[in-house]
Amino acid sequence: MTEPADVISNACAAIAANALDQAAHILATGYPFAPLANVGRRYSPTESMGVFVRDGFVDRYTGRRLIFPGTLRLLSQLLPDQFPFHNNWKTDLCHFGYYELFPTIDHLLPVSRGGADSAENWVSTSMLKNAAKANFTLDELGWNLHPPGSLAQWDGLTGWFMGQIGKDGLLAQSSYVRQWALAARRTGFG
């Protein structure tokens, strides 16, 4: 198999020799363009919670613990100056903990690369690692899949969240917090 850099080098040599058609053929056969489809997915909080619970609130790409989304937002609601959140996740207005600790679903094998959009292909990861992985495979990145965690050892502070939301009308203050409370209840918390 020819290395991609060699294919590009050969195409450049063909262009230098005024052989544009030959350069096009070299690229088309040796390193063809294969556009990646944007297959943006949205999962309900309950679907997401099912994956987070299954994976024990562990980032399957790093093995690091993740925190229940409702807990992070409740922290921002209670301590907005110390743990700010921005609706558009602006990096200068949103605490880095959202990128590092907020769990999200990623496809082990990207859908754009032939992976299924099903629970068997979903893993929990942080927003940061999800963005870094993009449409690449674990092999391409040199990453390994870590085992899931155990809810008995770490529940992502979901239990803490469920104990807090009834205090002083906290649940009533945010529809976002309410939807995650409902998702937590549907997956066995509270």
Protein backbone atom coordinates (compact mmCIF):
# COMPACT_ATOMS: atom_id res chain seq x y z
CA MET A 1 0.00 0.00 0.00
CA THR A 2 1.33 3.39 -0.94
CA GLU A 3 1.57 5.97 1.85
CA PRO A 4 -0.80 8.96 1.46
CA ALA A 5 2.16 11.39 1.50
CA ASP A 6 3.71 9.45 -1.39
CA VAL A 7 0.48 9.67 -3.40
CA ILE A 8 0.37 13.45 -2.86
CA SER A 9 4.07 13.69 -3.77
CA ASN A 10 3.47 11.74 -7.01
CA ALA A 11 0.49 13.94 -7.89
CA CYS A 12 2.60 17.06 -7.29
CA ALA A 13 5.36 15.66 -9.50
CA ALA A 14 2.81 15.03 -12.26
CA ILE A 15 1.53 18.61 -11.93
CA ALA A 16 5.11 19.91 -12.12
CA ALA A 17 5.46 17.96 -15.39
CA ASN A 18 2.28 19.65 -16.73
CA ALA A 19 0.41 16.33 -16.51
CA LEU A 20 -2.71 17.50 -14.70
CA ASP A 21 -4.78 14.55 -15.97
CA GLN A 22 -2.15 12.14 -14.67
CA ALA A 23 -2.14 13.94 -11.29
CA ALA A 24 -5.93 13.65 -11.15
CA HIS A 25 -5.68 9.92 -11.90
CA ILE A 26 -3.00 9.43 -9.25
CA LEU A 27 -5.21 11.05 -6.61
CA ALA A 28 -8.42 9.37 -7.78
CA THR A 29 -6.90 5.90 -7.62
CA GLY A 30 -4.27 6.22 -4.90
CA TYR A 31 -5.95 8.50 -2.38
CA PRO A 32 -9.55 9.09 -3.50
CA PHE A 33 -11.74 11.74 -1.97
CA ALA A 34 -14.38 10.10 0.21
CA PRO A 35 -16.58 12.83 1.68
CA LEU A 36 -17.76 12.24 5.23
CA ALA A 37 -21.46 12.75 5.65
CA ASN A 38 -22.60 15.04 8.44
CA VAL A 39 -24.87 12.72 10.33
CA GLY A 40 -25.59 14.86 13.36
CA ARG A 41 -27.58 12.99 15.93
CA ARG A 42 -29.60 14.20 18.90
CA TYR A 43 -30.44 11.94 21.78
CA SER A 44 -33.01 12.56 24.47
CA PRO A 45 -31.77 12.93 28.04
CA THR A 46 -33.32 9.52 28.81
CA GLU A 47 -31.51 7.82 25.90
CA SER A 48 -28.29 9.51 26.94
CA MET A 49 -28.75 8.51 30.58
CA GLY A 50 -29.17 4.89 29.52
CA VAL A 51 -25.71 4.97 27.94
CA PHE A 52 -24.13 6.93 30.80
CA VAL A 53 -25.55 4.48 33.35
CA ARG A 54 -24.49 1.46 31.27
CA ASP A 55 -20.95 2.89 31.05
CA GLY A 56 -20.87 3.85 34.73
CA PHE A 57 -20.25 7.55 34.01
CA VAL A 58 -16.79 6.75 32.67
CA ASP A 59 -15.22 8.29 29.60
CA ARG A 60 -14.60 5.14 27.59
CA TYR A 61 -11.71 6.80 25.71
CA THR A 62 -9.75 7.93 28.79
CA GLY A 63 -11.12 5.94 31.73
CA ARG A 64 -11.80 9.22 33.58
CA ARG A 65 -14.98 9.84 35.55
CA LEU A 66 -17.72 11.99 34.05
CA ILE A 67 -20.40 14.02 35.83
CA PHE A 68 -24.16 13.85 35.32
CA PRO A 69 -25.28 16.82 33.15
CA GLY A 70 -27.93 17.90 35.65
CA THR A 71 -25.29 18.16 38.38
CA LEU A 72 -23.09 20.42 36.27
CA ARG A 73 -25.99 22.72 35.41
CA LEU A 74 -27.22 22.78 39.01
CA LEU A 75 -23.72 23.87 40.06
CA SER A 76 -23.89 26.67 37.50
CA GLN A 77 -27.31 27.66 38.78
CA LEU A 78 -26.12 27.76 42.40
CA LEU A 79 -22.60 29.15 41.79
CA PRO A 80 -22.76 31.10 38.51
CA ASP A 81 -19.58 33.10 39.15
CA GLN A 82 -17.47 30.10 40.11
CA PHE A 83 -18.94 27.59 37.63
CA PRO A 84 -20.41 29.60 34.73
CA PHE A 85 -22.31 28.10 31.83
CA HIS A 86 -23.09 29.67 28.47
CA ASN A 87 -25.94 28.37 26.29
CA ASN A 88 -23.67 28.38 23.23
CA TRP A 89 -20.76 26.88 25.18
CA LYS A 90 -18.58 29.91 24.46
CA THR A 91 -15.15 28.97 25.75
CA ASP A 92 -14.54 32.37 27.30
CA LEU A 93 -17.85 32.28 29.20
CA CYS A 94 -18.26 28.60 30.08
CA HIS A 95 -16.30 26.72 32.76
CA PHE A 96 -13.86 24.20 31.25
CA GLY A 97 -15.50 21.50 33.39
CA TYR A 98 -18.30 21.36 30.83
CA TYR A 99 -15.87 20.25 28.12
CA GLU A 100 -13.85 17.96 30.35
CA LEU A 101 -16.59 16.33 32.47
CA PHE A 102 -19.90 16.62 30.61
CA PRO A 103 -20.83 13.18 29.25
CA THR A 104 -22.00 12.75 25.71
CA ILE A 105 -22.61 9.85 23.35
CA ASP A 106 -20.10 9.00 20.66
CA HIS A 107 -20.11 6.32 17.98
CA LEU A 108 -17.18 3.93 18.33
CA LEU A 109 -17.20 3.50 14.58
CA PRO A 110 -18.43 6.80 13.17
CA VAL A 111 -21.72 6.57 11.30
CA SER A 112 -20.06 8.47 8.46
CA ARG A 113 -17.59 5.59 8.22
CA GLY A 114 -20.22 2.82 8.21
CA GLY A 115 -20.94 2.48 11.93
CA ALA A 116 -24.47 1.82 13.15
CA ASP A 117 -26.47 4.42 15.04
CA SER A 118 -27.37 1.94 17.77
CA ALA A 119 -26.61 1.33 21.44
CA GLU A 120 -24.02 -1.32 20.55
CA ASN A 121 -21.96 1.37 18.79
CA TRP A 122 -22.49 4.10 21.42
CA VAL A 123 -20.08 4.95 24.23
CA SER A 124 -19.89 7.65 26.87
CA THR A 125 -17.16 10.23 26.46
CA SER A 126 -16.52 13.84 27.36
CA MET A 127 -17.42 16.69 25.04
CA LEU A 128 -13.69 17.36 24.70
CA LYS A 129 -12.79 13.84 23.57
CA ASN A 130 -15.87 13.62 21.34
CA ALA A 131 -14.75 16.77 19.52
CA ALA A 132 -11.17 15.47 19.26
CA LYS A 133 -12.25 12.08 17.92
CA ALA A 134 -14.57 13.57 15.29
CA ASN A 135 -14.96 11.10 12.39
CA PHE A 136 -11.83 9.09 13.14
CA THR A 137 -11.56 5.51 14.37
CA LEU A 138 -9.79 4.55 17.58
CA ASP A 139 -7.06 2.84 15.53
CA GLU A 140 -6.44 6.00 13.49
CA LEU A 141 -6.01 7.99 16.69
CA GLY A 142 -4.06 5.33 18.59
CA TRP A 143 -6.73 5.34 21.32
CA ASN A 144 -8.00 2.36 23.31
CA LEU A 145 -11.47 1.61 24.62
CA HIS A 146 -11.55 1.58 28.42
CA PRO A 147 -13.94 -0.71 30.30
CA PRO A 148 -17.18 0.72 31.67
CA GLY A 149 -17.30 1.89 35.26
CA SER A 150 -19.47 0.68 38.09
CA LEU A 151 -22.40 2.73 39.37
CA ALA A 152 -21.73 1.27 42.81
CA GLN A 153 -18.39 3.09 42.76
CA TRP A 154 -19.33 6.25 40.82
CA ASP A 155 -22.74 7.50 39.72
CA GLY A 156 -21.54 10.76 38.22
CA LEU A 157 -22.97 12.61 41.24
CA THR A 158 -26.47 11.75 40.03
CA GLY A 159 -27.47 10.68 43.55
CA TRP A 160 -26.22 13.98 44.92
CA PHE A 161 -28.23 15.84 42.27
CA MET A 162 -31.41 13.91 43.07
CA GLY A 163 -30.99 14.75 46.76
CA GLN A 164 -30.57 18.46 46.01
CA ILE A 165 -33.29 19.21 43.50
CA GLY A 166 -36.13 19.17 46.01
CA LYS A 167 -34.53 21.86 48.15
CA ASP A 168 -35.77 25.44 47.95
CA GLY A 169 -37.53 25.00 44.61
CA LEU A 170 -34.34 24.27 42.69
CA LEU A 171 -36.16 21.95 40.30
CA ALA A 172 -38.67 24.64 39.38
CA GLN A 173 -35.96 27.11 38.33
CA SER A 174 -34.74 25.37 35.18
CA SER A 175 -36.44 23.26 32.51
CA TYR A 176 -33.01 21.83 31.69
CA VAL A 177 -32.56 20.60 35.26
CA ARG A 178 -36.12 19.20 35.23
CA GLN A 179 -35.54 17.18 32.05
CA TRP A 180 -32.38 15.61 33.49
CA ALA A 181 -34.17 14.87 36.78
CA LEU A 182 -36.84 13.03 34.79
CA ALA A 183 -34.17 11.12 32.82
CA ALA A 184 -32.46 10.14 36.08
CA ARG A 185 -35.77 8.86 37.51
CA ARG A 186 -36.48 6.89 34.33
CA THR A 187 -33.12 5.15 34.64
CA GLY A 188 -33.52 4.17 38.29
CA PHE A 189 -32.44 7.17 40.35
CA GLY A 190 -34.68 8.73 43.00
